Amino acid sequence: MINLNLRDAIIQRVQDRDEEELLAIINDSMHSDERALPGLGVLFEVMWDHIDQSMKDQLIQVLKQNLPAST
């Protein structure tokens, strides 16, 4: 019996996909059922671990600019 955690299962699901397929997976997951959120989180984690500090700073800036202000 194979014992995979959620992170490993998500990575296995996407690891052999081409760029077009990865884009489709991300687009299909966006703004859909909350069950897609863990998968997006794993994909974000993979990207985050492999981008430079400049790209991280850009992403944080985009996030900060687009979060709704607290009321």
PDB file of N, CA and C in Angstrom:
ATOM      1  N   MET A   1       0.843  -1.188   0.000  1.00  0.00           N
ATOM      2  CA  MET A   1       0.000   0.000   0.000  1.00  0.00           C
ATOM      3  C   MET A   1       0.885   1.246   0.000  1.00  0.00           C
ATOM      4  N   ILE A   2       0.604   2.153  -0.918  1.00  0.00           N
ATOM      5  CA  ILE A   2       1.373   3.384  -1.019  1.00  0.00           C
ATOM      6  C   ILE A   2       0.764   4.425  -0.098  1.00  0.00           C
ATOM      7  N   ASN A   3       1.607   5.048   0.707  1.00  0.00           N
ATOM      8  CA  ASN A   3       1.152   6.064   1.640  1.00  0.00           C
ATOM      9  C   ASN A   3       1.695   7.421   1.183  1.00  0.00           C
ATOM     10  N   LEU A   4       0.867   8.197   0.478  1.00  0.00           N
ATOM     11  CA  LEU A   4       1.280   9.506  -0.014  1.00  0.00           C
ATOM     12  C   LEU A   4       0.603  10.592   0.794  1.00  0.00           C
ATOM     13  N   ASN A   5       1.326  11.659   1.036  1.00  0.00           N
ATOM     14  CA  ASN A   5       0.662  12.786   1.657  1.00  0.00           C
ATOM     15  C   ASN A   5       0.062  13.653   0.554  1.00  0.00           C
ATOM     16  N   LEU A   6      -0.725  14.623   0.941  1.00  0.00           N
ATOM     17  CA  LEU A   6      -1.430  15.461  -0.020  1.00  0.00           C
ATOM     18  C   LEU A   6      -0.456  16.192  -0.937  1.00  0.00           C
ATOM     19  N   ARG A   7       0.606  16.725  -0.375  1.00  0.00           N
ATOM     20  CA  ARG A   7       1.600  17.450  -1.166  1.00  0.00           C
ATOM     21  C   ARG A   7       2.173  16.544  -2.266  1.00  0.00           C
ATOM     22  N   ASP A   8       2.576  15.344  -1.900  1.00  0.00           N
ATOM     23  CA  ASP A   8       3.141  14.414  -2.882  1.00  0.00           C
ATOM     24  C   ASP A   8       2.113  14.039  -3.951  1.00  0.00           C
ATOM     25  N   ALA A   9       0.884  13.838  -3.547  1.00  0.00           N
ATOM     26  CA  ALA A   9      -0.168  13.471  -4.503  1.00  0.00           C
ATOM     27  C   ALA A   9      -0.395  14.591  -5.518  1.00  0.00           C
ATOM     28  N   ILE A  10      -0.390  15.821  -5.056  1.00  0.00           N
ATOM     29  CA  ILE A  10      -0.599  16.960  -5.954  1.00  0.00           C
ATOM     30  C   ILE A  10       0.578  17.085  -6.915  1.00  0.00           C
ATOM     31  N   ILE A  11       1.784  16.952  -6.406  1.00  0.00           N
ATOM     32  CA  ILE A  11       2.966  17.050  -7.263  1.00  0.00           C
ATOM     33  C   ILE A  11       2.958  15.933  -8.304  1.00  0.00           C
ATOM     34  N   GLN A  12       2.602  14.735  -7.915  1.00  0.00           N
ATOM     35  CA  GLN A  12       2.533  13.626  -8.878  1.00  0.00           C
ATOM     36  C   GLN A  12       1.494  13.900  -9.962  1.00  0.00           C
ATOM     37  N   ARG A  13       0.411  14.564  -9.596  1.00  0.00           N
ATOM     38  CA  ARG A  13      -0.661  14.861 -10.565  1.00  0.00           C
ATOM     39  C   ARG A  13      -0.191  15.816 -11.659  1.00  0.00           C
ATOM     40  N   VAL A  14       0.730  16.701 -11.337  1.00  0.00           N
ATOM     41  CA  VAL A  14       1.125  17.726 -12.296  1.00  0.00           C
ATOM     42  C   VAL A  14       2.555  17.584 -12.832  1.00  0.00           C
ATOM     43  N   GLN A  15       3.343  16.679 -12.314  1.00  0.00           N
ATOM     44  CA  GLN A  15       4.772  16.674 -12.616  1.00  0.00           C
ATOM     45  C   GLN A  15       5.122  16.429 -14.081  1.00  0.00           C
ATOM     46  N   ASP A  16       4.335  15.737 -14.838  1.00  0.00           N
ATOM     47  CA  ASP A  16       4.680  15.461 -16.237  1.00  0.00           C
ATOM     48  C   ASP A  16       3.856  16.295 -17.216  1.00  0.00           C
ATOM     49  N   ARG A  17       3.225  17.346 -16.720  1.00  0.00           N
ATOM     50  CA  ARG A  17       2.393  18.196 -17.582  1.00  0.00           C
ATOM     51  C   ARG A  17       3.259  19.233 -18.286  1.00  0.00           C
ATOM     52  N   ASP A  18       2.814  19.624 -19.492  1.00  0.00           N
ATOM     53  CA  ASP A  18       3.521  20.700 -20.188  1.00  0.00           C
ATOM     54  C   ASP A  18       2.982  22.048 -19.703  1.00  0.00           C
ATOM     55  N   GLU A  19       3.557  23.126 -20.198  1.00  0.00           N
ATOM     56  CA  GLU A  19       3.195  24.467 -19.727  1.00  0.00           C
ATOM     57  C   GLU A  19       1.717  24.779 -19.957  1.00  0.00           C
ATOM     58  N   GLU A  20       1.207  24.382 -21.111  1.00  0.00           N
ATOM     59  CA  GLU A  20      -0.202  24.639 -21.425  1.00  0.00           C
ATOM     60  C   GLU A  20      -1.127  23.905 -20.454  1.00  0.00           C
ATOM     61  N   GLU A  21      -0.798  22.677 -20.132  1.00  0.00           N
ATOM     62  CA  GLU A  21      -1.601  21.903 -19.190  1.00  0.00           C
ATOM     63  C   GLU A  21      -1.526  22.496 -17.783  1.00  0.00           C
ATOM     64  N   LEU A  22      -0.330  22.930 -17.381  1.00  0.00           N
ATOM     65  CA  LEU A  22      -0.191  23.550 -16.059  1.00  0.00           C
ATOM     66  C   LEU A  22      -1.019  24.832 -15.974  1.00  0.00           C
ATOM     67  N   LEU A  23      -0.983  25.625 -17.027  1.00  0.00           N
ATOM     68  CA  LEU A  23      -1.786  26.849 -17.057  1.00  0.00           C
ATOM     69  C   LEU A  23      -3.264  26.519 -16.939  1.00  0.00           C
ATOM     70  N   ALA A  24      -3.712  25.506 -17.638  1.00  0.00           N
ATOM     71  CA  ALA A  24      -5.124  25.101 -17.575  1.00  0.00           C
ATOM     72  C   ALA A  24      -5.495  24.628 -16.169  1.00  0.00           C
ATOM     73  N   ILE A  25      -4.610  23.873 -15.539  1.00  0.00           N
ATOM     74  CA  ILE A  25      -4.888  23.398 -14.180  1.00  0.00           C
ATOM     75  C   ILE A  25      -5.042  24.577 -13.229  1.00  0.00           C
ATOM     76  N   ILE A  26      -4.131  25.541 -13.335  1.00  0.00           N
ATOM     77  CA  ILE A  26      -4.196  26.714 -12.458  1.00  0.00           C
ATOM     78  C   ILE A  26      -5.451  27.520 -12.748  1.00  0.00           C
ATOM     79  N   ASN A  27      -5.719  27.797 -14.023  1.00  0.00           N
ATOM     80  CA  ASN A  27      -6.909  28.576 -14.373  1.00  0.00           C
ATOM     81  C   ASN A  27      -8.198  27.897 -13.932  1.00  0.00           C
ATOM     82  N   ASP A  28      -8.268  26.587 -14.082  1.00  0.00           N
ATOM     83  CA  ASP A  28      -9.463  25.849 -13.668  1.00  0.00           C
ATOM     84  C   ASP A  28      -9.643  25.851 -12.154  1.00  0.00           C
ATOM     85  N   SER A  29      -8.549  25.951 -11.433  1.00  0.00           N
ATOM     86  CA  SER A  29      -8.610  25.924  -9.972  1.00  0.00           C
ATOM     87  C   SER A  29      -8.940  27.289  -9.365  1.00  0.00           C
ATOM     88  N   MET A  30      -8.649  28.340 -10.099  1.00  0.00           N
ATOM     89  CA  MET A  30      -8.857  29.694  -9.581  1.00  0.00           C
ATOM     90  C   MET A  30     -10.351  29.982  -9.429  1.00  0.00           C
ATOM     91  N   HIS A  31     -10.692  30.543  -8.307  1.00  0.00           N
ATOM     92  CA  HIS A  31     -12.065  30.973  -8.017  1.00  0.00           C
ATOM     93  C   HIS A  31     -13.079  29.839  -8.140  1.00  0.00           C
ATOM     94  N   SER A  32     -12.627  28.631  -7.908  1.00  0.00           N
ATOM     95  CA  SER A  32     -13.555  27.503  -7.955  1.00  0.00           C
ATOM     96  C   SER A  32     -13.750  26.979  -6.539  1.00  0.00           C
ATOM     97  N   ASP A  33     -14.174  25.774  -6.459  1.00  0.00           N
ATOM     98  CA  ASP A  33     -14.423  25.119  -5.186  1.00  0.00           C
ATOM     99  C   ASP A  33     -13.204  25.224  -4.272  1.00  0.00           C
ATOM    100  N   GLU A  34     -13.433  25.423  -2.991  1.00  0.00           N
ATOM    101  CA  GLU A  34     -12.337  25.556  -2.029  1.00  0.00           C
ATOM    102  C   GLU A  34     -11.467  24.314  -1.941  1.00  0.00           C
ATOM    103  N   ARG A  35     -11.946  23.203  -2.454  1.00  0.00           N
ATOM    104  CA  ARG A  35     -11.125  21.993  -2.441  1.00  0.00           C
ATOM    105  C   ARG A  35      -9.875  22.145  -3.294  1.00  0.00           C
ATOM    106  N   ALA A  36      -9.868  23.114  -4.219  1.00  0.00           N
ATOM    107  CA  ALA A  36      -8.697  23.347  -5.069  1.00  0.00           C
ATOM    108  C   ALA A  36      -7.610  24.131  -4.344  1.00  0.00           C
ATOM    109  N   LEU A  37      -7.945  24.788  -3.250  1.00  0.00           N
ATOM    110  CA  LEU A  37      -6.976  25.649  -2.568  1.00  0.00           C
ATOM    111  C   LEU A  37      -5.711  24.927  -2.099  1.00  0.00           C
ATOM    112  N   PRO A  38      -5.803  23.743  -1.520  1.00  0.00           N
ATOM    113  CA  PRO A  38      -4.554  23.066  -1.128  1.00  0.00           C
ATOM    114  C   PRO A  38      -3.647  22.790  -2.324  1.00  0.00           C
ATOM    115  N   GLY A  39      -4.228  22.441  -3.456  1.00  0.00           N
ATOM    116  CA  GLY A  39      -3.424  22.191  -4.650  1.00  0.00           C
ATOM    117  C   GLY A  39      -2.722  23.444  -5.122  1.00  0.00           C
ATOM    118  N   LEU A  40      -3.441  24.560  -5.125  1.00  0.00           N
ATOM    119  CA  LEU A  40      -2.821  25.833  -5.502  1.00  0.00           C
ATOM    120  C   LEU A  40      -1.723  26.204  -4.520  1.00  0.00           C
ATOM    121  N   GLY A  41      -1.943  25.902  -3.258  1.00  0.00           N
ATOM    122  CA  GLY A  41      -0.927  26.177  -2.249  1.00  0.00           C
ATOM    123  C   GLY A  41       0.347  25.388  -2.488  1.00  0.00           C
ATOM    124  N   VAL A  42       0.209  24.140  -2.868  1.00  0.00           N
ATOM    125  CA  VAL A  42       1.378  23.306  -3.156  1.00  0.00           C
ATOM    126  C   VAL A  42       2.107  23.847  -4.380  1.00  0.00           C
ATOM    127  N   LEU A  43       1.365  24.231  -5.418  1.00  0.00           N
ATOM    128  CA  LEU A  43       1.991  24.783  -6.616  1.00  0.00           C
ATOM    129  C   LEU A  43       2.703  26.095  -6.296  1.00  0.00           C
ATOM    130  N   PHE A  44       2.075  26.921  -5.464  1.00  0.00           N
ATOM    131  CA  PHE A  44       2.714  28.167  -5.049  1.00  0.00           C
ATOM    132  C   PHE A  44       3.995  27.875  -4.279  1.00  0.00           C
ATOM    133  N   GLU A  45       3.949  26.895  -3.409  1.00  0.00           N
ATOM    134  CA  GLU A  45       5.127  26.519  -2.631  1.00  0.00           C
ATOM    135  C   GLU A  45       6.286  26.099  -3.534  1.00  0.00           C
ATOM    136  N   VAL A  46       6.002  25.313  -4.560  1.00  0.00           N
ATOM    137  CA  VAL A  46       7.042  24.878  -5.497  1.00  0.00           C
ATOM    138  C   VAL A  46       7.656  26.087  -6.195  1.00  0.00           C
ATOM    139  N   MET A  47       6.800  26.997  -6.659  1.00  0.00           N
ATOM    140  CA  MET A  47       7.315  28.200  -7.325  1.00  0.00           C
ATOM    141  C   MET A  47       8.134  29.051  -6.358  1.00  0.00           C
ATOM    142  N   TRP A  48       7.603  29.276  -5.177  1.00  0.00           N
ATOM    143  CA  TRP A  48       8.254  30.128  -4.182  1.00  0.00           C
ATOM    144  C   TRP A  48       9.652  29.619  -3.844  1.00  0.00           C
ATOM    145  N   ASP A  49       9.780  28.301  -3.749  1.00  0.00           N
ATOM    146  CA  ASP A  49      11.070  27.702  -3.405  1.00  0.00           C
ATOM    147  C   ASP A  49      12.108  27.822  -4.526  1.00  0.00           C
ATOM    148  N   HIS A  50      11.659  28.214  -5.730  1.00  0.00           N
ATOM    149  CA  HIS A  50      12.581  28.220  -6.864  1.00  0.00           C
ATOM    150  C   HIS A  50      12.653  29.563  -7.600  1.00  0.00           C
ATOM    151  N   ILE A  51      12.218  30.622  -6.970  1.00  0.00           N
ATOM    152  CA  ILE A  51      12.342  31.946  -7.574  1.00  0.00           C
ATOM    153  C   ILE A  51      13.293  32.792  -6.742  1.00  0.00           C
ATOM    154  N   ASP A  52      13.854  33.817  -7.384  1.00  0.00           N
ATOM    155  CA  ASP A  52      14.806  34.663  -6.672  1.00  0.00           C
ATOM    156  C   ASP A  52      14.078  35.704  -5.808  1.00  0.00           C
ATOM    157  N   GLN A  53      14.854  36.388  -4.994  1.00  0.00           N
ATOM    158  CA  GLN A  53      14.282  37.346  -4.049  1.00  0.00           C
ATOM    159  C   GLN A  53      13.552  38.481  -4.758  1.00  0.00           C
ATOM    160  N   SER A  54      14.034  38.896  -5.911  1.00  0.00           N
ATOM    161  CA  SER A  54      13.379  39.958  -6.666  1.00  0.00           C
ATOM    162  C   SER A  54      11.953  39.556  -7.063  1.00  0.00           C
ATOM    163  N   MET A  55      11.797  38.335  -7.544  1.00  0.00           N
ATOM    164  CA  MET A  55      10.464  37.848  -7.928  1.00  0.00           C
ATOM    165  C   MET A  55       9.579  37.707  -6.695  1.00  0.00           C
ATOM    166  N   LYS A  56      10.146  37.244  -5.586  1.00  0.00           N
ATOM    167  CA  LYS A  56       9.376  37.154  -4.341  1.00  0.00           C
ATOM    168  C   LYS A  56       8.886  38.533  -3.922  1.00  0.00           C
ATOM    169  N   ASP A  57       9.762  39.527  -4.015  1.00  0.00           N
ATOM    170  CA  ASP A  57       9.376  40.896  -3.659  1.00  0.00           C
ATOM    171  C   ASP A  57       8.244  41.394  -4.555  1.00  0.00           C
ATOM    172  N   GLN A  58       8.312  41.079  -5.849  1.00  0.00           N
ATOM    173  CA  GLN A  58       7.254  41.480  -6.778  1.00  0.00           C
ATOM    174  C   GLN A  58       5.924  40.824  -6.414  1.00  0.00           C
ATOM    175  N   LEU A  59       5.973  39.548  -6.114  1.00  0.00           N
ATOM    176  CA  LEU A  59       4.747  38.840  -5.764  1.00  0.00           C
ATOM    177  C   LEU A  59       4.127  39.390  -4.483  1.00  0.00           C
ATOM    178  N   ILE A  60       4.968  39.682  -3.502  1.00  0.00           N
ATOM    179  CA  ILE A  60       4.471  40.249  -2.248  1.00  0.00           C
ATOM    180  C   ILE A  60       3.852  41.615  -2.501  1.00  0.00           C
ATOM    181  N   GLN A  61       4.476  42.406  -3.376  1.00  0.00           N
ATOM    182  CA  GLN A  61       3.940  43.725  -3.711  1.00  0.00           C
ATOM    183  C   GLN A  61       2.570  43.601  -4.389  1.00  0.00           C
ATOM    184  N   VAL A  62       2.434  42.687  -5.332  1.00  0.00           N
ATOM    185  CA  VAL A  62       1.144  42.465  -6.000  1.00  0.00           C
ATOM    186  C   VAL A  62       0.103  42.017  -4.981  1.00  0.00           C
ATOM    187  N   LEU A  63       0.488  41.099  -4.105  1.00  0.00           N
ATOM    188  CA  LEU A  63      -0.432  40.629  -3.076  1.00  0.00           C
ATOM    189  C   LEU A  63      -0.888  41.776  -2.185  1.00  0.00           C
ATOM    190  N   LYS A  64       0.055  42.553  -1.701  1.00  0.00           N
ATOM    191  CA  LYS A  64      -0.266  43.672  -0.807  1.00  0.00           C
ATOM    192  C   LYS A  64      -1.190  44.684  -1.480  1.00  0.00           C
ATOM    193  N   GLN A  65      -0.929  44.972  -2.743  1.00  0.00           N
ATOM    194  CA  GLN A  65      -1.732  45.953  -3.474  1.00  0.00           C
ATOM    195  C   GLN A  65      -3.149  45.465  -3.766  1.00  0.00           C
ATOM    196  N   ASN A  66      -3.351  44.160  -3.744  1.00  0.00           N
ATOM    197  CA  ASN A  66      -4.648  43.614  -4.150  1.00  0.00           C
ATOM    198  C   ASN A  66      -5.454  43.002  -3.024  1.00  0.00           C
ATOM    199  N   LEU A  67      -4.919  43.005  -1.813  1.00  0.00           N
ATOM    200  CA  LEU A  67      -5.715  42.545  -0.675  1.00  0.00           C
ATOM    201  C   LEU A  67      -6.700  43.651  -0.308  1.00  0.00           C
ATOM    202  N   PRO A  68      -7.930  43.290   0.008  1.00  0.00           N
ATOM    203  CA  PRO A  68      -8.879  44.331   0.408  1.00  0.00           C
ATOM    204  C   PRO A  68      -8.446  44.975   1.718  1.00  0.00           C
ATOM    205  N   ALA A  69      -8.711  46.258   1.815  1.00  0.00           N
ATOM    206  CA  ALA A  69      -8.388  46.985   3.044  1.00  0.00           C
ATOM    207  C   ALA A  69      -9.317  46.517   4.153  1.00  0.00           C
ATOM    208  N   SER A  70      -8.799  46.473   5.362  1.00  0.00           N
ATOM    209  CA  SER A  70      -9.647  46.096   6.488  1.00  0.00           C
ATOM    210  C   SER A  70     -10.623  47.233   6.790  1.00  0.00           C
ATOM    211  N   THR A  71     -11.763  46.853   7.295  1.00  0.00           N
ATOM    212  CA  THR A  71     -12.787  47.865   7.588  1.00  0.00           C
ATOM    213  C   THR A  71     -12.926  48.109   9.065  1.00  0.00           C
TER     214      THR A  71
END
